[in-house]
Amino acid sequence: MPLTETQAEVLAALARWFPARLSVAQVCAITGLAPSTVRAALRTGTYDALTASTHYRPARWWITNRGRLLARSRLYREFLTHDATTTTGGQP
């Protein structure tokens, strides 16, 4: 099943900052998306084995190997070219 644009943006943000484990707030800062939107995309990614998270609060999220392969595929590669450092000053 193809990713939505929002899911692709979230996956690309995790791929760009790999191997960092990011909070929802950090992903929001990178993507400019609302927290509820990011959480929904991360949950979907977890169900599809594209993302994973810690079990403690606040949860930290990362991209899985399967997610990295998908993010680098021709279909989603354009989302990786966005420079996250311009919106976050170099910090996730």
PDB file of N, CA and C in Angstrom:
ATOM      1  N   MET A   1       0.836  -1.175   0.000  1.00  0.00           N
ATOM      2  CA  MET A   1       0.000   0.000   0.000  1.00  0.00           C
ATOM      3  C   MET A   1       0.884   1.243   0.000  1.00  0.00           C
ATOM      4  N   PRO A   2       0.641   2.185  -0.896  1.00  0.00           N
ATOM      5  CA  PRO A   2       1.482   3.383  -0.951  1.00  0.00           C
ATOM      6  C   PRO A   2       1.265   4.281   0.273  1.00  0.00           C
ATOM      7  N   LEU A   3       2.291   5.032   0.598  1.00  0.00           N
ATOM      8  CA  LEU A   3       2.211   5.976   1.705  1.00  0.00           C
ATOM      9  C   LEU A   3       1.483   7.238   1.271  1.00  0.00           C
ATOM     10  N   THR A   4       0.840   7.883   2.225  1.00  0.00           N
ATOM     11  CA  THR A   4       0.292   9.211   1.960  1.00  0.00           C
ATOM     12  C   THR A   4       1.465  10.196   1.958  1.00  0.00           C
ATOM     13  N   GLU A   5       1.226  11.401   1.492  1.00  0.00           N
ATOM     14  CA  GLU A   5       2.293  12.403   1.494  1.00  0.00           C
ATOM     15  C   GLU A   5       2.762  12.688   2.922  1.00  0.00           C
ATOM     16  N   THR A   6       1.836  12.749   3.854  1.00  0.00           N
ATOM     17  CA  THR A   6       2.184  12.990   5.256  1.00  0.00           C
ATOM     18  C   THR A   6       3.043  11.862   5.815  1.00  0.00           C
ATOM     19  N   GLN A   7       2.656  10.624   5.553  1.00  0.00           N
ATOM     20  CA  GLN A   7       3.444   9.484   6.023  1.00  0.00           C
ATOM     21  C   GLN A   7       4.841   9.516   5.413  1.00  0.00           C
ATOM     22  N   ALA A   8       4.936   9.870   4.137  1.00  0.00           N
ATOM     23  CA  ALA A   8       6.236   9.946   3.473  1.00  0.00           C
ATOM     24  C   ALA A   8       7.102  11.049   4.084  1.00  0.00           C
ATOM     25  N   GLU A   9       6.502  12.181   4.442  1.00  0.00           N
ATOM     26  CA  GLU A   9       7.256  13.273   5.076  1.00  0.00           C
ATOM     27  C   GLU A   9       7.810  12.845   6.428  1.00  0.00           C
ATOM     28  N   VAL A  10       6.986  12.171   7.223  1.00  0.00           N
ATOM     29  CA  VAL A  10       7.422  11.718   8.537  1.00  0.00           C
ATOM     30  C   VAL A  10       8.514  10.660   8.394  1.00  0.00           C
ATOM     31  N   LEU A  11       8.328   9.732   7.500  1.00  0.00           N
ATOM     32  CA  LEU A  11       9.336   8.691   7.278  1.00  0.00           C
ATOM     33  C   LEU A  11      10.651   9.309   6.810  1.00  0.00           C
ATOM     34  N   ALA A  12      10.573  10.277   5.921  1.00  0.00           N
ATOM     35  CA  ALA A  12      11.781  10.944   5.432  1.00  0.00           C
ATOM     36  C   ALA A  12      12.487  11.708   6.543  1.00  0.00           C
ATOM     37  N   ALA A  13      11.723  12.332   7.438  1.00  0.00           N
ATOM     38  CA  ALA A  13      12.335  13.043   8.569  1.00  0.00           C
ATOM     39  C   ALA A  13      13.123  12.069   9.444  1.00  0.00           C
ATOM     40  N   LEU A  14      12.536  10.922   9.719  1.00  0.00           N
ATOM     41  CA  LEU A  14      13.250   9.913  10.520  1.00  0.00           C
ATOM     42  C   LEU A  14      14.476   9.391   9.775  1.00  0.00           C
ATOM     43  N   ALA A  15      14.363   9.242   8.463  1.00  0.00           N
ATOM     44  CA  ALA A  15      15.490   8.755   7.661  1.00  0.00           C
ATOM     45  C   ALA A  15      16.633   9.773   7.647  1.00  0.00           C
ATOM     46  N   ARG A  16      16.296  11.050   7.518  1.00  0.00           N
ATOM     47  CA  ARG A  16      17.340  12.085   7.480  1.00  0.00           C
ATOM     48  C   ARG A  16      18.106  12.169   8.787  1.00  0.00           C
ATOM     49  N   TRP A  17      17.437  11.938   9.904  1.00  0.00           N
ATOM     50  CA  TRP A  17      18.078  12.058  11.206  1.00  0.00           C
ATOM     51  C   TRP A  17      18.553  10.718  11.764  1.00  0.00           C
ATOM     52  N   PHE A  18      18.422   9.625  10.992  1.00  0.00           N
ATOM     53  CA  PHE A  18      18.874   8.302  11.434  1.00  0.00           C
ATOM     54  C   PHE A  18      20.349   8.363  11.768  1.00  0.00           C
ATOM     55  N   PRO A  19      20.828   7.805  12.863  1.00  0.00           N
ATOM     56  CA  PRO A  19      20.190   6.867  13.777  1.00  0.00           C
ATOM     57  C   PRO A  19      19.548   7.516  15.002  1.00  0.00           C
ATOM     58  N   ALA A  20      19.342   8.825  14.987  1.00  0.00           N
ATOM     59  CA  ALA A  20      18.722   9.486  16.141  1.00  0.00           C
ATOM     60  C   ALA A  20      17.324   8.934  16.401  1.00  0.00           C
ATOM     61  N   ARG A  21      16.959   8.943  17.649  1.00  0.00           N
ATOM     62  CA  ARG A  21      15.602   8.564  18.057  1.00  0.00           C
ATOM     63  C   ARG A  21      14.903   9.859  18.443  1.00  0.00           C
ATOM     64  N   LEU A  22      13.843  10.175  17.719  1.00  0.00           N
ATOM     65  CA  LEU A  22      13.197  11.481  17.835  1.00  0.00           C
ATOM     66  C   LEU A  22      11.861  11.411  18.554  1.00  0.00           C
ATOM     67  N   SER A  23      11.560  12.469  19.293  1.00  0.00           N
ATOM     68  CA  SER A  23      10.242  12.587  19.922  1.00  0.00           C
ATOM     69  C   SER A  23       9.244  13.102  18.884  1.00  0.00           C
ATOM     70  N   VAL A  24       7.977  13.025  19.219  1.00  0.00           N
ATOM     71  CA  VAL A  24       6.949  13.572  18.330  1.00  0.00           C
ATOM     72  C   VAL A  24       7.187  15.063  18.142  1.00  0.00           C
ATOM     73  N   ALA A  25       7.537  15.771  19.211  1.00  0.00           N
ATOM     74  CA  ALA A  25       7.794  17.211  19.113  1.00  0.00           C
ATOM     75  C   ALA A  25       8.936  17.511  18.142  1.00  0.00           C
ATOM     76  N   GLN A  26       9.968  16.705  18.154  1.00  0.00           N
ATOM     77  CA  GLN A  26      11.088  16.911  17.234  1.00  0.00           C
ATOM     78  C   GLN A  26      10.669  16.649  15.789  1.00  0.00           C
ATOM     79  N   VAL A  27       9.879  15.600  15.562  1.00  0.00           N
ATOM     80  CA  VAL A  27       9.404  15.323  14.204  1.00  0.00           C
ATOM     81  C   VAL A  27       8.498  16.461  13.735  1.00  0.00           C
ATOM     82  N   CYS A  28       7.682  16.992  14.635  1.00  0.00           N
ATOM     83  CA  CYS A  28       6.832  18.140  14.297  1.00  0.00           C
ATOM     84  C   CYS A  28       7.682  19.343  13.888  1.00  0.00           C
ATOM     85  N   ALA A  29       8.752  19.596  14.634  1.00  0.00           N
ATOM     86  CA  ALA A  29       9.626  20.720  14.316  1.00  0.00           C
ATOM     87  C   ALA A  29      10.300  20.545  12.959  1.00  0.00           C
ATOM     88  N   ILE A  30      10.652  19.330  12.624  1.00  0.00           N
ATOM     89  CA  ILE A  30      11.318  19.046  11.353  1.00  0.00           C
ATOM     90  C   ILE A  30      10.350  19.164  10.186  1.00  0.00           C
ATOM     91  N   THR A  31       9.139  18.627  10.359  1.00  0.00           N
ATOM     92  CA  THR A  31       8.191  18.554   9.245  1.00  0.00           C
ATOM     93  C   THR A  31       7.222  19.714   9.170  1.00  0.00           C
ATOM     94  N   GLY A  32       6.985  20.386  10.293  1.00  0.00           N
ATOM     95  CA  GLY A  32       5.980  21.446  10.325  1.00  0.00           C
ATOM     96  C   GLY A  32       4.559  20.905  10.440  1.00  0.00           C
ATOM     97  N   LEU A  33       4.421  19.622  10.744  1.00  0.00           N
ATOM     98  CA  LEU A  33       3.108  18.997  10.868  1.00  0.00           C
ATOM     99  C   LEU A  33       2.619  19.062  12.315  1.00  0.00           C
ATOM    100  N   ALA A  34       1.307  18.946  12.493  1.00  0.00           N
ATOM    101  CA  ALA A  34       0.706  18.952  13.821  1.00  0.00           C
ATOM    102  C   ALA A  34       1.025  17.648  14.555  1.00  0.00           C
ATOM    103  N   PRO A  35       1.092  17.711  15.890  1.00  0.00           N
ATOM    104  CA  PRO A  35       1.409  16.506  16.664  1.00  0.00           C
ATOM    105  C   PRO A  35       0.461  15.333  16.393  1.00  0.00           C
ATOM    106  N   SER A  36      -0.824  15.586  16.285  1.00  0.00           N
ATOM    107  CA  SER A  36      -1.763  14.485  16.040  1.00  0.00           C
ATOM    108  C   SER A  36      -1.516  13.839  14.678  1.00  0.00           C
ATOM    109  N   THR A  37      -1.129  14.637  13.701  1.00  0.00           N
ATOM    110  CA  THR A  37      -0.834  14.128  12.360  1.00  0.00           C
ATOM    111  C   THR A  37       0.423  13.268  12.388  1.00  0.00           C
ATOM    112  N   VAL A  38       1.441  13.736  13.094  1.00  0.00           N
ATOM    113  CA  VAL A  38       2.693  12.988  13.213  1.00  0.00           C
ATOM    114  C   VAL A  38       2.457  11.675  13.950  1.00  0.00           C
ATOM    115  N   ARG A  39       1.708  11.724  15.051  1.00  0.00           N
ATOM    116  CA  ARG A  39       1.433  10.492  15.810  1.00  0.00           C
ATOM    117  C   ARG A  39       0.719   9.462  14.935  1.00  0.00           C
ATOM    118  N   ALA A  40      -0.266   9.916  14.162  1.00  0.00           N
ATOM    119  CA  ALA A  40      -1.003   8.991  13.285  1.00  0.00           C
ATOM    120  C   ALA A  40      -0.072   8.362  12.252  1.00  0.00           C
ATOM    121  N   ALA A  41       0.810   9.160  11.671  1.00  0.00           N
ATOM    122  CA  ALA A  41       1.751   8.639  10.672  1.00  0.00           C
ATOM    123  C   ALA A  41       2.737   7.665  11.310  1.00  0.00           C
ATOM    124  N   LEU A  42       3.196   7.971  12.509  1.00  0.00           N
ATOM    125  CA  LEU A  42       4.126   7.074  13.200  1.00  0.00           C
ATOM    126  C   LEU A  42       3.457   5.752  13.568  1.00  0.00           C
ATOM    127  N   ARG A  43       2.222   5.813  14.036  1.00  0.00           N
ATOM    128  CA  ARG A  43       1.503   4.575  14.371  1.00  0.00           C
ATOM    129  C   ARG A  43       1.310   3.709  13.135  1.00  0.00           C
ATOM    130  N   THR A  44       0.935   4.331  12.024  1.00  0.00           N
ATOM    131  CA  THR A  44       0.770   3.576  10.779  1.00  0.00           C
ATOM    132  C   THR A  44       2.100   2.957  10.364  1.00  0.00           C
ATOM    133  N   GLY A  45       3.176   3.730  10.497  1.00  0.00           N
ATOM    134  CA  GLY A  45       4.504   3.212  10.169  1.00  0.00           C
ATOM    135  C   GLY A  45       4.897   2.036  11.028  1.00  0.00           C
ATOM    136  N   THR A  46       4.493   2.063  12.298  1.00  0.00           N
ATOM    137  CA  THR A  46       4.786   0.951  13.194  1.00  0.00           C
ATOM    138  C   THR A  46       4.031  -0.300  12.759  1.00  0.00           C
ATOM    139  N   TYR A  47       2.770  -0.134  12.398  1.00  0.00           N
ATOM    140  CA  TYR A  47       1.978  -1.282  11.937  1.00  0.00           C
ATOM    141  C   TYR A  47       2.570  -1.887  10.676  1.00  0.00           C
ATOM    142  N   ASP A  48       3.147  -1.048   9.834  1.00  0.00           N
ATOM    143  CA  ASP A  48       3.742  -1.518   8.581  1.00  0.00           C
ATOM    144  C   ASP A  48       5.221  -1.876   8.728  1.00  0.00           C
ATOM    145  N   ALA A  49       5.749  -1.852   9.950  1.00  0.00           N
ATOM    146  CA  ALA A  49       7.147  -2.173  10.268  1.00  0.00           C
ATOM    147  C   ALA A  49       8.134  -1.209   9.617  1.00  0.00           C
ATOM    148  N   LEU A  50       7.712   0.050   9.426  1.00  0.00           N
ATOM    149  CA  LEU A  50       8.590   1.070   8.855  1.00  0.00           C
ATOM    150  C   LEU A  50       9.224   1.931   9.942  1.00  0.00           C
ATOM    151  N   THR A  51       8.552   2.032  11.091  1.00  0.00           N
ATOM    152  CA  THR A  51       9.065   2.798  12.221  1.00  0.00           C
ATOM    153  C   THR A  51       8.949   1.947  13.480  1.00  0.00           C
ATOM    154  N   ALA A  52       9.684   2.350  14.501  1.00  0.00           N
ATOM    155  CA  ALA A  52       9.624   1.676  15.798  1.00  0.00           C
ATOM    156  C   ALA A  52       9.784   2.739  16.870  1.00  0.00           C
ATOM    157  N   SER A  53       9.393   2.389  18.099  1.00  0.00           N
ATOM    158  CA  SER A  53       9.511   3.363  19.188  1.00  0.00           C
ATOM    159  C   SER A  53       9.918   2.683  20.477  1.00  0.00           C
ATOM    160  N   THR A  54      10.375   3.518  21.406  1.00  0.00           N
ATOM    161  CA  THR A  54      10.669   3.041  22.750  1.00  0.00           C
ATOM    162  C   THR A  54       9.342   2.814  23.469  1.00  0.00           C
ATOM    163  N   HIS A  55       9.373   2.082  24.563  1.00  0.00           N
ATOM    164  CA  HIS A  55       8.152   1.800  25.311  1.00  0.00           C
ATOM    165  C   HIS A  55       7.971   2.735  26.505  1.00  0.00           C
ATOM    166  N   TYR A  56       8.926   3.602  26.743  1.00  0.00           N
ATOM    167  CA  TYR A  56       8.817   4.523  27.867  1.00  0.00           C
ATOM    168  C   TYR A  56       8.398   5.899  27.361  1.00  0.00           C
ATOM    169  N   ARG A  57       7.951   6.734  28.260  1.00  0.00           N
ATOM    170  CA  ARG A  57       7.478   8.077  27.920  1.00  0.00           C
ATOM    171  C   ARG A  57       8.549   9.102  28.230  1.00  0.00           C
ATOM    172  N   PRO A  58       8.757  10.107  27.435  1.00  0.00           N
ATOM    173  CA  PRO A  58       8.134  10.268  26.118  1.00  0.00           C
ATOM    174  C   PRO A  58       8.757   9.285  25.121  1.00  0.00           C
ATOM    175  N   ALA A  59       7.927   8.761  24.275  1.00  0.00           N
ATOM    176  CA  ALA A  59       8.397   7.792  23.278  1.00  0.00           C
ATOM    177  C   ALA A  59       9.383   8.453  22.325  1.00  0.00           C
ATOM    178  N   ARG A  60      10.365   7.709  21.916  1.00  0.00           N
ATOM    179  CA  ARG A  60      11.334   8.132  20.907  1.00  0.00           C
ATOM    180  C   ARG A  60      11.162   7.211  19.715  1.00  0.00           C
ATOM    181  N   TRP A  61      11.153   7.782  18.526  1.00  0.00           N
ATOM    182  CA  TRP A  61      10.862   7.050  17.303  1.00  0.00           C
ATOM    183  C   TRP A  61      12.071   7.004  16.395  1.00  0.00           C
ATOM    184  N   TRP A  62      12.193   5.907  15.635  1.00  0.00           N
ATOM    185  CA  TRP A  62      13.254   5.783  14.644  1.00  0.00           C
ATOM    186  C   TRP A  62      12.728   4.999  13.455  1.00  0.00           C
ATOM    187  N   ILE A  63      13.460   5.071  12.381  1.00  0.00           N
ATOM    188  CA  ILE A  63      13.092   4.359  11.166  1.00  0.00           C
ATOM    189  C   ILE A  63      13.746   2.983  11.183  1.00  0.00           C
ATOM    190  N   THR A  64      13.030   1.981  10.739  1.00  0.00           N
ATOM    191  CA  THR A  64      13.561   0.622  10.676  1.00  0.00           C
ATOM    192  C   THR A  64      14.322   0.429   9.362  1.00  0.00           C
ATOM    193  N   ASN A  65      15.013  -0.698   9.244  1.00  0.00           N
ATOM    194  CA  ASN A  65      15.701  -0.990   7.977  1.00  0.00           C
ATOM    195  C   ASN A  65      14.713  -1.039   6.819  1.00  0.00           C
ATOM    196  N   ARG A  66      13.566  -1.640   7.068  1.00  0.00           N
ATOM    197  CA  ARG A  66      12.536  -1.698   6.020  1.00  0.00           C
ATOM    198  C   ARG A  66      12.085  -0.281   5.633  1.00  0.00           C
ATOM    199  N   GLY A  67      11.921   0.576   6.623  1.00  0.00           N
ATOM    200  CA  GLY A  67      11.533   1.963   6.360  1.00  0.00           C
ATOM    201  C   GLY A  67      12.596   2.712   5.579  1.00  0.00           C
ATOM    202  N   ARG A  68      13.869   2.479   5.912  1.00  0.00           N
ATOM    203  CA  ARG A  68      14.959   3.138   5.192  1.00  0.00           C
ATOM    204  C   ARG A  68      14.998   2.704   3.737  1.00  0.00           C
ATOM    205  N   LEU A  69      14.761   1.428   3.485  1.00  0.00           N
ATOM    206  CA  LEU A  69      14.720   0.951   2.097  1.00  0.00           C
ATOM    207  C   LEU A  69      13.595   1.619   1.322  1.00  0.00           C
ATOM    208  N   LEU A  70      12.434   1.727   1.955  1.00  0.00           N
ATOM    209  CA  LEU A  70      11.302   2.364   1.284  1.00  0.00           C
ATOM    210  C   LEU A  70      11.564   3.853   1.054  1.00  0.00           C
ATOM    211  N   ALA A  71      12.123   4.539   2.052  1.00  0.00           N
ATOM    212  CA  ALA A  71      12.390   5.970   1.923  1.00  0.00           C
ATOM    213  C   ALA A  71      13.384   6.262   0.797  1.00  0.00           C
ATOM    214  N   ARG A  72      14.299   5.334   0.555  1.00  0.00           N
ATOM    215  CA  ARG A  72      15.298   5.538  -0.506  1.00  0.00           C
ATOM    216  C   ARG A  72      14.803   5.070  -1.869  1.00  0.00           C
ATOM    217  N   SER A  73      13.604   4.490  -1.922  1.00  0.00           N
ATOM    218  CA  SER A  73      13.082   4.017  -3.207  1.00  0.00           C
ATOM    219  C   SER A  73      12.759   5.207  -4.114  1.00  0.00           C
ATOM    220  N   ARG A  74      12.705   4.942  -5.380  1.00  0.00           N
ATOM    221  CA  ARG A  74      12.474   6.001  -6.365  1.00  0.00           C
ATOM    222  C   ARG A  74      11.188   6.768  -6.083  1.00  0.00           C
ATOM    223  N   LEU A  75      10.182   6.088  -5.619  1.00  0.00           N
ATOM    224  CA  LEU A  75       8.879   6.697  -5.375  1.00  0.00           C
ATOM    225  C   LEU A  75       8.915   7.752  -4.272  1.00  0.00           C
ATOM    226  N   TYR A  76       9.743   7.555  -3.240  1.00  0.00           N
ATOM    227  CA  TYR A  76       9.746   8.454  -2.083  1.00  0.00           C
ATOM    228  C   TYR A  76      11.043   9.241  -1.910  1.00  0.00           C
ATOM    229  N   ARG A  77      12.008   9.039  -2.783  1.00  0.00           N
ATOM    230  CA  ARG A  77      13.311   9.689  -2.649  1.00  0.00           C
ATOM    231  C   ARG A  77      13.215  11.211  -2.595  1.00  0.00           C
ATOM    232  N   GLU A  78      12.246  11.811  -3.297  1.00  0.00           N
ATOM    233  CA  GLU A  78      12.106  13.271  -3.318  1.00  0.00           C
ATOM    234  C   GLU A  78      11.885  13.846  -1.922  1.00  0.00           C
ATOM    235  N   PHE A  79      11.271  13.087  -1.020  1.00  0.00           N
ATOM    236  CA  PHE A  79      11.023  13.572   0.331  1.00  0.00           C
ATOM    237  C   PHE A  79      12.311  13.660   1.143  1.00  0.00           C
ATOM    238  N   LEU A  80      13.329  12.898   0.756  1.00  0.00           N
ATOM    239  CA  LEU A  80      14.604  12.924   1.469  1.00  0.00           C
ATOM    240  C   LEU A  80      15.432  14.153   1.131  1.00  0.00           C
ATOM    241  N   THR A  81      15.130  14.815   0.044  1.00  0.00           N
ATOM    242  CA  THR A  81      15.949  15.947  -0.391  1.00  0.00           C
ATOM    243  C   THR A  81      15.651  17.233   0.355  1.00  0.00           C
ATOM    244  N   HIS A  82      14.558  17.283   1.120  1.00  0.00           N
ATOM    245  CA  HIS A  82      14.239  18.465   1.906  1.00  0.00           C
ATOM    246  C   HIS A  82      15.296  18.640   2.989  1.00  0.00           C
ATOM    247  N   ASP A  83      15.834  19.844   3.126  1.00  0.00           N
ATOM    248  CA  ASP A  83      16.877  20.097   4.114  1.00  0.00           C
ATOM    249  C   ASP A  83      16.250  20.481   5.447  1.00  0.00           C
ATOM    250  N   ALA A  84      16.229  19.554   6.377  1.00  0.00           N
ATOM    251  CA  ALA A  84      15.601  19.789   7.676  1.00  0.00           C
ATOM    252  C   ALA A  84      16.339  20.833   8.503  1.00  0.00           C
ATOM    253  N   THR A  85      17.610  21.057   8.248  1.00  0.00           N
ATOM    254  CA  THR A  85      18.376  21.996   9.064  1.00  0.00           C
ATOM    255  C   THR A  85      17.932  23.433   8.856  1.00  0.00           C
ATOM    256  N   THR A  86      17.265  23.728   7.749  1.00  0.00           N
ATOM    257  CA  THR A  86      16.827  25.106   7.519  1.00  0.00           C
ATOM    258  C   THR A  86      15.689  25.488   8.440  1.00  0.00           C
ATOM    259  N   THR A  87      14.868  24.540   8.866  1.00  0.00           N
ATOM    260  CA  THR A  87      13.745  24.860   9.717  1.00  0.00           C
ATOM    261  C   THR A  87      14.036  24.638  11.187  1.00  0.00           C
ATOM    262  N   THR A  88      15.083  23.900  11.502  1.00  0.00           N
ATOM    263  CA  THR A  88      15.351  23.566  12.896  1.00  0.00           C
ATOM    264  C   THR A  88      16.703  24.061  13.378  1.00  0.00           C
ATOM    265  N   GLY A  89      17.425  24.789  12.548  1.00  0.00           N
ATOM    266  CA  GLY A  89      18.722  25.282  12.971  1.00  0.00           C
ATOM    267  C   GLY A  89      19.729  24.182  13.207  1.00  0.00           C
ATOM    268  N   GLY A  90      19.565  23.035  12.525  1.00  0.00           N
ATOM    269  CA  GLY A  90      20.516  21.948  12.650  1.00  0.00           C
ATOM    270  C   GLY A  90      20.222  20.992  13.778  1.00  0.00           C
ATOM    271  N   GLN A  91      19.166  21.236  14.543  1.00  0.00           N
ATOM    272  CA  GLN A  91      18.820  20.362  15.659  1.00  0.00           C
ATOM    273  C   GLN A  91      17.479  19.704  15.395  1.00  0.00           C
ATOM    274  N   PRO A  92      17.355  18.416  15.657  1.00  0.00           N
ATOM    275  CA  PRO A  92      16.054  17.759  15.504  1.00  0.00           C
ATOM    276  C   PRO A  92      15.099  18.200  16.596  1.00  0.00           C
TER     277      PRO A  92
END
